[in-house]
Amino acid sequence: MTSLMPPAERIWWNVPIGREEIVWIGLALVWCLILFFMMPYWHIYGKQNLSNEAYQTTPAKFGEKVQAGIDQYTVREEVGIPVVHPPAGSDVYMLGRLWQWWPILELEKDKTYRLHLSSMDWQHGFSLQPVNINLQVLPGYEMVLSITPDQAGEYAVVCNEYCGIGHHTMLGKIYVKE
C-alpha cells in the first residue's frame, strides 16, 4: 500500500488480511490470555508473593515505635547496634536509614511475627537473604508483613535500592533461634 494508490484503496480496513498475519494475531491473543489468567493464579498459589499491608506514617512516629521496641525487648548489643528479642506473635519494627538497618532482630523458629518496615530518609530496598524476600521501603510509609521463620540461622538484610554513597555498607541481620 503506497500513497500513489487511489484513495479508495488506501483505506486500510478495506484491504484483506493475509493468512500469516491472522496466525500471528491469533498466537499473540492466545499468549496474552495465558499470561492474563496466570497473574491471579500465581498470586494465589505462588509462594513468592507476599501478602503485606502499607500505612502512611511519618519518620518521627515510626522512629518512636522502633525505639519503644528497642527499649522494651533489647537483650544485648552487637557493634553498637541493639539486638531485639520480641515475644512470639508480637509486632517487630525495623527501620532503614543511612546506611544501616536498625535494630538487629532475634526471632524464634516457627513463631509468627508482624514485621513493620519503614525508612527514615530515602527509598531503600529490603532484601532478606537467602530467603529472597524483597520489598521497597519508602519514607512516609509503613510496610507490614507477617513472617514465620521456618529455619534457624542468621539471615542478612541487604538494601537493594541505591540510597547513596554508603549503599554498599547497608546491611542488617535477623537471627532465628530454635
Protein backbone atom coordinates (compact mmCIF):
# COMPACT_ATOMS: atom_id res chain seq x y z
CA MET A 1 0.00 0.00 0.00
CA THR A 2 1.52 3.34 -1.06
CA SER A 3 0.43 6.93 -1.26
CA LEU A 4 0.32 6.54 -5.04
CA MET A 5 -2.73 4.28 -4.78
CA PRO A 6 -6.20 5.70 -5.36
CA PRO A 7 -7.94 6.90 -2.13
CA ALA A 8 -10.44 4.03 -2.11
CA GLU A 9 -7.58 1.51 -2.00
CA ARG A 10 -5.61 3.43 0.69
CA ILE A 11 -8.21 2.75 3.41
CA TRP A 12 -6.52 0.00 5.43
CA TRP A 13 -9.67 -1.72 6.68
CA ASN A 14 -10.75 -2.40 3.09
CA VAL A 15 -7.54 -4.34 2.37
CA PRO A 16 -7.85 -8.10 3.02
CA ILE A 17 -5.70 -9.53 5.83
CA GLY A 18 -3.08 -12.09 4.91
CA ARG A 19 -3.21 -15.63 6.36
CA GLU A 20 0.20 -15.26 8.09
CA GLU A 21 -0.94 -12.09 9.83
CA ILE A 22 -4.09 -13.78 11.13
CA VAL A 23 -1.98 -16.64 12.53
CA TRP A 24 0.34 -14.20 14.35
CA ILE A 25 -2.57 -12.18 15.72
CA GLY A 26 -4.16 -15.42 16.97
CA LEU A 27 -0.93 -16.58 18.62
CA ALA A 28 -0.44 -13.19 20.27
CA LEU A 29 -4.03 -13.22 21.56
CA VAL A 30 -3.70 -16.73 22.98
CA TRP A 31 -0.38 -15.82 24.67
CA CYS A 32 -1.89 -12.65 26.16
CA LEU A 33 -4.82 -14.63 27.57
CA ILE A 34 -2.47 -17.23 29.08
CA LEU A 35 -0.41 -14.51 30.80
CA PHE A 36 -3.54 -12.66 31.92
CA PHE A 37 -5.01 -15.72 33.65
CA MET A 38 -1.64 -16.74 35.11
CA MET A 39 -1.39 -13.49 37.09
CA PRO A 40 -4.29 -14.17 39.51
CA TYR A 41 -3.42 -17.86 39.63
CA TRP A 42 0.20 -17.14 40.51
CA HIS A 43 -0.82 -14.50 43.06
CA ILE A 44 -2.99 -17.04 44.89
CA TYR A 45 -0.87 -20.18 44.55
CA GLY A 46 2.64 -18.80 44.02
CA LYS A 47 4.97 -18.80 47.01
CA GLN A 48 6.93 -15.67 46.07
CA ASN A 49 4.18 -13.09 46.57
CA LEU A 50 3.95 -11.51 49.99
CA SER A 51 0.66 -10.52 51.48
CA ASN A 52 1.54 -7.21 53.04
CA GLU A 53 -0.09 -4.03 54.18
CA ALA A 54 1.02 -0.42 53.79
CA TYR A 55 0.12 2.52 56.01
CA GLN A 56 1.06 6.17 55.90
CA THR A 57 3.24 7.35 58.75
CA THR A 58 5.94 9.89 59.40
CA PRO A 59 9.58 9.10 60.06
CA ALA A 60 9.25 10.60 63.55
CA LYS A 61 6.25 8.42 64.50
CA PHE A 62 7.84 5.27 63.11
CA GLY A 63 11.11 6.09 64.87
CA GLU A 64 9.23 6.29 68.17
CA LYS A 65 7.73 2.83 67.60
CA VAL A 66 11.15 1.38 66.80
CA GLN A 67 12.70 3.00 69.88
CA ALA A 68 9.86 1.69 72.09
CA GLY A 69 10.56 -1.84 70.84
CA ILE A 70 14.28 -1.39 71.45
CA ASP A 71 13.68 -0.08 74.98
CA GLN A 72 11.36 -2.96 75.81
CA TYR A 73 12.99 -6.00 74.17
CA THR A 74 16.78 -5.38 73.89
CA VAL A 75 18.79 -8.41 75.01
CA ARG A 76 22.33 -7.32 74.02
CA GLU A 77 24.31 -5.16 71.64
CA GLU A 78 26.45 -6.09 68.65
CA VAL A 79 28.88 -3.45 67.39
CA GLY A 80 26.78 -0.72 68.98
CA ILE A 81 23.51 -1.95 67.43
CA PRO A 82 20.84 -3.30 69.79
CA VAL A 83 19.66 -6.89 69.35
CA VAL A 84 15.92 -7.08 69.99
CA HIS A 85 14.17 -10.33 71.01
CA PRO A 86 10.39 -9.67 70.99
CA PRO A 87 7.89 -12.28 72.19
CA ALA A 88 6.30 -14.57 69.61
CA GLY A 89 3.23 -13.15 67.93
CA SER A 90 4.20 -9.55 68.54
CA ASP A 91 4.85 -6.63 66.26
CA VAL A 92 8.54 -6.09 65.45
CA TYR A 93 9.94 -2.92 63.95
CA MET A 94 12.95 -2.36 61.71
CA LEU A 95 13.90 0.86 60.02
CA GLY A 96 16.23 1.72 57.21
CA ARG A 97 18.40 4.77 57.50
CA LEU A 98 21.67 5.94 56.02
CA TRP A 99 23.31 3.35 55.88
CA GLN A 100 22.04 0.61 58.17
CA TRP A 101 19.06 -1.48 59.15
CA TRP A 102 18.15 -0.80 62.76
CA PRO A 103 17.92 -2.82 65.07
CA ILE A 104 19.07 -6.43 64.73
CA LEU A 105 16.14 -8.79 65.26
CA GLU A 106 16.25 -12.12 67.09
CA LEU A 107 13.17 -14.22 66.33
CA GLU A 108 12.06 -17.73 67.26
CA LYS A 109 11.67 -20.55 64.76
CA ASP A 110 8.08 -21.49 63.76
CA LYS A 111 6.61 -18.44 65.53
CA THR A 112 4.70 -15.76 63.64
CA TYR A 113 5.57 -12.06 63.84
CA ARG A 114 4.27 -8.91 62.18
CA LEU A 115 7.30 -7.17 60.74
CA HIS A 116 6.95 -3.39 60.28
CA LEU A 117 9.41 -1.66 57.94
CA SER A 118 9.93 1.98 57.06
CA SER A 119 12.65 4.38 56.03
CA MET A 120 13.83 7.47 57.85
CA ASP A 121 15.34 9.23 54.86
CA TRP A 122 15.47 7.72 51.33
CA GLN A 123 13.99 4.88 49.38
CA HIS A 124 15.60 1.60 50.47
CA GLY A 125 15.15 -1.97 49.38
CA PHE A 126 14.57 -4.66 51.99
CA SER A 127 16.04 -7.91 50.71
CA LEU A 128 16.14 -10.82 53.17
CA GLN A 129 18.79 -13.31 52.08
CA PRO A 130 18.88 -16.24 51.39
CA VAL A 131 15.07 -16.33 51.61
CA ASN A 132 14.68 -13.80 48.77
CA ILE A 133 12.00 -11.59 50.30
CA ASN A 134 12.10 -8.20 48.58
CA LEU A 135 10.21 -5.01 49.41
CA GLN A 136 10.59 -1.35 48.62
CA VAL A 137 10.79 0.68 51.81
CA LEU A 138 9.82 4.32 51.46
CA PRO A 139 9.85 7.20 53.93
CA GLY A 140 6.31 8.09 54.96
CA TYR A 141 5.02 4.53 54.53
CA GLU A 142 5.00 1.61 56.94
CA MET A 143 5.14 -1.78 55.24
CA VAL A 144 3.74 -4.61 57.37
CA LEU A 145 4.09 -8.30 56.60
CA SER A 146 3.52 -11.46 58.59
CA ILE A 147 6.55 -13.71 58.75
CA THR A 148 7.01 -17.18 60.23
CA PRO A 149 10.67 -18.22 60.15
CA ASP A 150 10.88 -21.97 59.45
CA GLN A 151 14.65 -22.45 59.63
CA ALA A 152 17.07 -21.41 62.34
CA GLY A 153 20.10 -19.40 61.35
CA GLU A 154 21.47 -15.97 60.59
CA TYR A 155 19.81 -14.02 57.78
CA ALA A 156 21.22 -10.96 56.07
CA VAL A 157 19.14 -7.89 55.30
CA VAL A 158 20.52 -6.13 52.25
CA CYS A 159 19.47 -2.80 50.76
CA ASN A 160 18.84 -3.43 47.06
CA GLU A 161 17.85 0.12 46.07
CA TYR A 162 20.70 2.58 45.58
CA CYS A 163 20.48 5.01 48.51
CA GLY A 164 23.70 6.97 48.33
CA ILE A 165 27.43 6.72 48.74
CA GLY A 166 27.29 4.22 51.63
CA HIS A 167 24.70 1.95 49.98
CA HIS A 168 27.14 -0.96 49.71
CA THR A 169 27.56 -0.98 53.51
CA MET A 170 23.83 -1.05 54.31
CA LEU A 171 23.45 -4.47 55.87
CA GLY A 172 21.34 -5.76 58.72
CA LYS A 173 20.75 -9.08 60.47
CA ILE A 174 17.90 -11.23 61.62
CA TYR A 175 18.71 -14.17 63.85
CA VAL A 176 16.29 -17.10 64.07
CA LYS A 177 16.70 -19.25 67.18
CA GLU A 178 15.41 -22.78 67.80
